[in-house]
């Protein structure tokens, strides 16, 4: 009976970890979509930035505590003058289970 209890606890823990990871991955994909939308609007409406387009190569989130997540986004900005610039930016996300808000500290062109 004790072996069965240990196996049951182990499987429950694995299920909890995998579900939590899945929800974090889903949140990351939704935040990435939101960043792309926001940046596309900013590029369209704000010619001062000089950014023509961008590529996001990687984005991930890590659950820190309660409703707070920390992420890293990396990619390339392509400028109107033909130059480009690689970027690695920190992303702060707050998620209450239904809605999220993200911020990229120290990043102001949009």
N, C-alpha and C. Protein backbone atom coordinates (compact mmCIF):
# COMPACT_ATOMS: atom_id res chain seq x y z
N UNK A 1 0.81 -1.19 0.00
CA UNK A 1 0.00 0.00 0.00
C UNK A 1 0.86 1.26 0.00
N UNK A 2 1.95 1.31 0.72
CA UNK A 2 2.80 2.48 0.77
C UNK A 2 3.46 2.75 -0.58
N UNK A 3 3.84 1.72 -1.29
CA UNK A 3 4.44 1.89 -2.61
C UNK A 3 3.42 2.53 -3.55
N UNK A 4 2.19 2.09 -3.47
CA UNK A 4 1.13 2.68 -4.29
C UNK A 4 0.96 4.17 -3.97
N UNK A 5 0.99 4.54 -2.69
CA UNK A 5 0.85 5.95 -2.29
C UNK A 5 2.00 6.79 -2.83
N UNK A 6 3.19 6.26 -2.76
CA UNK A 6 4.37 6.98 -3.27
C UNK A 6 4.26 7.19 -4.77
N UNK A 7 3.83 6.15 -5.49
CA UNK A 7 3.66 6.26 -6.95
C UNK A 7 2.58 7.28 -7.27
N UNK A 8 1.48 7.25 -6.52
CA UNK A 8 0.39 8.19 -6.74
C UNK A 8 0.85 9.64 -6.52
N UNK A 9 1.60 9.88 -5.46
CA UNK A 9 2.12 11.23 -5.19
C UNK A 9 3.08 11.65 -6.30
N UNK A 10 3.93 10.75 -6.72
CA UNK A 10 4.89 11.04 -7.78
C UNK A 10 4.18 11.41 -9.09
N UNK A 11 3.19 10.64 -9.47
CA UNK A 11 2.45 10.92 -10.71
C UNK A 11 1.66 12.22 -10.62
N UNK A 12 1.09 12.50 -9.47
CA UNK A 12 0.37 13.76 -9.27
C UNK A 12 1.32 14.95 -9.41
N UNK A 13 2.50 14.83 -8.85
CA UNK A 13 3.51 15.89 -8.95
C UNK A 13 3.92 16.11 -10.39
N UNK A 14 4.16 15.05 -11.13
CA UNK A 14 4.53 15.16 -12.54
C UNK A 14 3.41 15.82 -13.33
N UNK A 15 2.17 15.43 -13.07
CA UNK A 15 1.02 16.02 -13.76
C UNK A 15 0.92 17.51 -13.45
N UNK A 16 1.09 17.89 -12.19
CA UNK A 16 1.03 19.30 -11.80
C UNK A 16 2.12 20.10 -12.50
N UNK A 17 3.34 19.59 -12.52
CA UNK A 17 4.46 20.30 -13.16
C UNK A 17 4.22 20.43 -14.65
N UNK A 18 3.75 19.37 -15.30
CA UNK A 18 3.53 19.44 -16.75
C UNK A 18 2.39 20.39 -17.09
N UNK A 19 1.33 20.42 -16.28
CA UNK A 19 0.23 21.36 -16.53
C UNK A 19 0.68 22.79 -16.33
N UNK A 20 1.47 23.03 -15.29
CA UNK A 20 1.98 24.37 -15.03
C UNK A 20 2.88 24.83 -16.16
N UNK A 21 3.72 23.95 -16.68
CA UNK A 21 4.61 24.28 -17.79
C UNK A 21 3.80 24.57 -19.05
N UNK A 22 2.75 23.79 -19.30
CA UNK A 22 1.89 24.01 -20.46
C UNK A 22 1.22 25.37 -20.37
N UNK A 23 0.71 25.74 -19.20
CA UNK A 23 0.05 27.03 -19.07
C UNK A 23 1.05 28.17 -19.22
N UNK A 24 2.28 28.00 -18.75
CA UNK A 24 3.31 29.02 -18.93
C UNK A 24 3.66 29.15 -20.40
N UNK A 25 3.76 28.04 -21.10
CA UNK A 25 4.04 28.09 -22.54
C UNK A 25 2.91 28.76 -23.31
N UNK A 26 1.67 28.47 -22.92
CA UNK A 26 0.52 29.11 -23.56
C UNK A 26 0.54 30.61 -23.30
N UNK A 27 0.79 31.00 -22.05
CA UNK A 27 0.88 32.42 -21.71
C UNK A 27 1.99 33.08 -22.52
N UNK A 28 3.14 32.43 -22.65
CA UNK A 28 4.25 32.99 -23.43
C UNK A 28 3.83 33.22 -24.88
N UNK A 29 3.10 32.28 -25.47
CA UNK A 29 2.67 32.45 -26.86
C UNK A 29 1.70 33.61 -27.00
N UNK A 30 0.81 33.78 -26.02
CA UNK A 30 -0.15 34.89 -26.06
C UNK A 30 0.56 36.24 -25.86
N UNK A 31 1.50 36.29 -24.95
CA UNK A 31 2.26 37.53 -24.72
C UNK A 31 3.07 37.88 -25.97
N UNK A 32 3.69 36.89 -26.58
CA UNK A 32 4.46 37.13 -27.81
C UNK A 32 3.57 37.71 -28.90
N UNK A 33 2.37 37.15 -29.08
CA UNK A 33 1.43 37.70 -30.07
C UNK A 33 1.11 39.16 -29.77
N UNK A 34 0.90 39.46 -28.49
CA UNK A 34 0.57 40.82 -28.09
C UNK A 34 1.73 41.78 -28.36
N UNK A 35 2.94 41.35 -28.07
CA UNK A 35 4.12 42.18 -28.35
C UNK A 35 4.24 42.45 -29.84
N UNK A 36 4.06 41.42 -30.65
CA UNK A 36 4.14 41.58 -32.11
C UNK A 36 3.09 42.58 -32.59
N UNK A 37 1.86 42.44 -32.11
CA UNK A 37 0.80 43.38 -32.50
C UNK A 37 1.15 44.81 -32.10
N UNK A 38 1.59 44.98 -30.86
CA UNK A 38 1.91 46.32 -30.35
C UNK A 38 3.07 46.95 -31.13
N UNK A 39 4.10 46.16 -31.39
CA UNK A 39 5.26 46.69 -32.13
C UNK A 39 4.88 47.02 -33.57
N UNK A 40 4.05 46.19 -34.21
CA UNK A 40 3.61 46.50 -35.58
C UNK A 40 2.83 47.81 -35.63
N UNK A 41 1.98 48.03 -34.66
CA UNK A 41 1.24 49.30 -34.59
C UNK A 41 2.21 50.46 -34.37
N UNK A 42 3.17 50.28 -33.47
CA UNK A 42 4.14 51.34 -33.19
C UNK A 42 4.98 51.68 -34.41
N UNK A 43 5.39 50.67 -35.16
CA UNK A 43 6.18 50.91 -36.37
C UNK A 43 5.35 51.66 -37.39
N UNK A 44 4.11 51.27 -37.55
CA UNK A 44 3.21 51.93 -38.50
C UNK A 44 2.96 53.39 -38.12
N UNK A 45 2.75 53.64 -36.83
CA UNK A 45 2.33 54.96 -36.37
C UNK A 45 3.47 55.88 -35.95
N UNK A 46 4.67 55.34 -35.75
CA UNK A 46 5.76 56.14 -35.20
C UNK A 46 6.99 56.02 -36.08
N UNK A 47 7.10 56.89 -37.07
CA UNK A 47 8.25 56.87 -37.96
C UNK A 47 9.54 57.31 -37.31
N UNK A 48 9.47 57.91 -36.12
CA UNK A 48 10.65 58.40 -35.43
C UNK A 48 11.59 57.28 -35.00
N UNK A 49 11.08 56.09 -34.80
CA UNK A 49 11.92 55.00 -34.32
C UNK A 49 12.93 54.56 -35.38
N UNK A 50 12.58 54.75 -36.65
CA UNK A 50 13.45 54.31 -37.74
C UNK A 50 13.40 52.82 -37.99
N UNK A 51 12.55 52.09 -37.27
CA UNK A 51 12.44 50.64 -37.44
C UNK A 51 11.48 50.35 -38.59
N UNK A 52 11.95 49.53 -39.53
CA UNK A 52 11.10 49.12 -40.66
C UNK A 52 10.33 47.86 -40.31
N UNK A 53 11.00 46.91 -39.71
CA UNK A 53 10.39 45.64 -39.32
C UNK A 53 11.26 44.97 -38.26
N UNK A 54 10.87 43.80 -37.84
CA UNK A 54 11.63 43.07 -36.82
C UNK A 54 11.34 41.58 -36.93
N UNK A 55 12.23 40.80 -36.38
CA UNK A 55 12.04 39.36 -36.23
C UNK A 55 12.24 39.02 -34.77
N UNK A 56 11.36 38.20 -34.23
CA UNK A 56 11.55 37.66 -32.89
C UNK A 56 12.05 36.24 -33.05
N UNK A 57 13.25 35.99 -32.57
CA UNK A 57 13.86 34.66 -32.72
C UNK A 57 13.51 33.73 -31.56
N UNK A 58 13.36 34.31 -30.37
CA UNK A 58 13.11 33.46 -29.21
C UNK A 58 12.38 34.27 -28.15
N UNK A 59 11.46 33.62 -27.46
CA UNK A 59 10.77 34.25 -26.35
C UNK A 59 10.33 33.17 -25.38
N UNK A 60 10.60 33.40 -24.11
CA UNK A 60 10.18 32.45 -23.10
C UNK A 60 9.87 33.16 -21.80
N UNK A 61 9.04 32.53 -21.00
CA UNK A 61 8.66 33.07 -19.69
C UNK A 61 8.98 32.05 -18.61
N UNK A 62 9.28 32.57 -17.43
CA UNK A 62 9.48 31.74 -16.25
C UNK A 62 8.58 32.29 -15.16
N UNK A 63 7.82 31.41 -14.52
CA UNK A 63 6.94 31.83 -13.43
C UNK A 63 7.81 32.14 -12.22
N UNK A 64 7.71 33.36 -11.71
CA UNK A 64 8.50 33.78 -10.57
C UNK A 64 7.76 33.54 -9.24
N UNK A 65 6.60 34.15 -9.13
CA UNK A 65 5.79 33.98 -7.92
C UNK A 65 4.39 34.50 -8.18
N UNK A 66 3.42 33.93 -7.53
CA UNK A 66 2.02 34.35 -7.61
C UNK A 66 1.63 34.67 -9.05
N UNK A 67 1.44 35.94 -9.38
CA UNK A 67 0.97 36.34 -10.71
C UNK A 67 2.08 36.95 -11.56
N UNK A 68 3.32 36.83 -11.13
CA UNK A 68 4.44 37.49 -11.78
C UNK A 68 5.30 36.50 -12.58
N UNK A 69 5.57 36.88 -13.83
CA UNK A 69 6.43 36.09 -14.71
C UNK A 69 7.54 37.00 -15.24
N UNK A 70 8.68 36.41 -15.52
CA UNK A 70 9.81 37.15 -16.09
C UNK A 70 10.18 36.43 -17.39
N UNK A 71 10.49 37.22 -18.41
CA UNK A 71 10.81 36.63 -19.69
C UNK A 71 11.98 37.31 -20.37
N UNK A 72 12.42 36.69 -21.44
CA UNK A 72 13.48 37.22 -22.28
C UNK A 72 13.04 37.07 -23.73
N UNK A 73 13.13 38.18 -24.46
CA UNK A 73 12.78 38.17 -25.87
C UNK A 73 14.03 38.56 -26.65
N UNK A 74 14.31 37.83 -27.72
CA UNK A 74 15.49 38.15 -28.53
C UNK A 74 15.10 38.12 -30.00
N UNK A 75 15.81 38.94 -30.77
CA UNK A 75 15.53 39.02 -32.19
C UNK A 75 16.36 40.09 -32.86
N UNK A 76 15.82 40.64 -33.95
CA UNK A 76 16.55 41.63 -34.74
C UNK A 76 15.59 42.73 -35.16
N UNK A 77 16.02 43.98 -35.00
CA UNK A 77 15.32 45.13 -35.57
C UNK A 77 15.98 45.46 -36.90
N UNK A 78 15.17 45.70 -37.93
CA UNK A 78 15.65 46.12 -39.24
C UNK A 78 15.22 47.57 -39.44
N UNK A 79 16.21 48.43 -39.67
CA UNK A 79 15.94 49.87 -39.75
C UNK A 79 15.74 50.33 -41.19
N UNK A 80 15.10 51.49 -41.31
CA UNK A 80 14.81 52.08 -42.62
C UNK A 80 16.08 52.37 -43.42
N UNK A 81 17.18 52.65 -42.72
CA UNK A 81 18.43 52.96 -43.41
C UNK A 81 19.21 51.73 -43.86
N UNK A 82 18.62 50.53 -43.69
CA UNK A 82 19.24 49.29 -44.15
C UNK A 82 20.08 48.58 -43.10
N UNK A 83 20.30 49.20 -41.95
CA UNK A 83 21.06 48.53 -40.89
C UNK A 83 20.13 47.66 -40.06
N UNK A 84 20.74 46.84 -39.24
CA UNK A 84 19.94 46.03 -38.32
C UNK A 84 20.64 45.95 -36.97
N UNK A 85 19.89 45.56 -35.97
CA UNK A 85 20.42 45.50 -34.61
C UNK A 85 19.78 44.32 -33.88
N UNK A 86 20.63 43.45 -33.35
CA UNK A 86 20.11 42.35 -32.53
C UNK A 86 19.68 42.89 -31.18
N UNK A 87 18.66 42.27 -30.60
CA UNK A 87 18.21 42.69 -29.28
C UNK A 87 17.94 41.50 -28.38
N UNK A 88 18.16 41.72 -27.10
CA UNK A 88 17.79 40.81 -26.02
C UNK A 88 17.16 41.69 -24.95
N UNK A 89 15.88 41.53 -24.72
CA UNK A 89 15.15 42.41 -23.82
C UNK A 89 14.42 41.60 -22.76
N UNK A 90 14.38 42.13 -21.56
CA UNK A 90 13.65 41.52 -20.46
C UNK A 90 12.18 41.92 -20.54
N UNK A 91 11.31 40.98 -20.26
CA UNK A 91 9.87 41.24 -20.29
C UNK A 91 9.29 40.87 -18.92
N UNK A 92 8.56 41.82 -18.34
CA UNK A 92 7.84 41.57 -17.09
C UNK A 92 6.37 41.34 -17.42
N UNK A 93 5.80 40.27 -16.88
CA UNK A 93 4.40 39.93 -17.16
C UNK A 93 3.67 39.69 -15.85
N UNK A 94 2.48 40.26 -15.76
CA UNK A 94 1.57 39.96 -14.65
C UNK A 94 0.34 39.30 -15.25
N UNK A 95 -0.04 38.16 -14.68
CA UNK A 95 -1.14 37.35 -15.22
C UNK A 95 -2.01 36.86 -14.07
N UNK A 96 -3.30 37.21 -14.11
CA UNK A 96 -4.21 36.84 -13.03
C UNK A 96 -4.99 35.56 -13.32
N UNK A 97 -4.65 34.87 -14.38
CA UNK A 97 -5.37 33.65 -14.76
C UNK A 97 -6.32 33.87 -15.91
N UNK A 98 -6.66 35.14 -16.18
CA UNK A 98 -7.55 35.47 -17.28
C UNK A 98 -6.97 36.55 -18.18
N UNK A 99 -6.37 37.57 -17.57
CA UNK A 99 -5.82 38.68 -18.34
C UNK A 99 -4.36 38.88 -17.97
N UNK A 100 -3.59 39.42 -18.91
CA UNK A 100 -2.19 39.70 -18.63
C UNK A 100 -1.85 41.11 -19.07
N UNK A 101 -0.76 41.60 -18.50
CA UNK A 101 -0.18 42.86 -18.92
C UNK A 101 1.33 42.64 -18.96
N UNK A 102 1.96 43.16 -20.00
CA UNK A 102 3.40 43.00 -20.12
C UNK A 102 4.06 44.37 -20.23
N UNK A 103 5.33 44.40 -19.84
CA UNK A 103 6.13 45.61 -19.93
C UNK A 103 7.57 45.21 -20.22
N UNK A 104 8.21 46.00 -21.07
CA UNK A 104 9.62 45.80 -21.35
C UNK A 104 10.35 47.01 -20.76
N UNK A 105 10.93 46.83 -19.57
CA UNK A 105 11.60 47.96 -18.91
C UNK A 105 12.74 48.50 -19.78
N UNK A 106 12.96 49.80 -19.70
CA UNK A 106 14.07 50.46 -20.40
C UNK A 106 13.98 50.33 -21.92
N UNK A 107 12.78 50.25 -22.45
CA UNK A 107 12.60 50.14 -23.90
C UNK A 107 11.46 51.07 -24.28
N UNK A 108 11.78 52.15 -25.03
CA UNK A 108 10.81 53.22 -25.17
C UNK A 108 10.42 53.61 -26.59
N UNK A 109 10.91 52.97 -27.62
CA UNK A 109 10.60 53.50 -28.96
C UNK A 109 9.15 53.33 -29.36
N UNK A 110 8.44 52.42 -28.79
CA UNK A 110 7.04 52.24 -29.21
C UNK A 110 6.11 52.98 -28.38
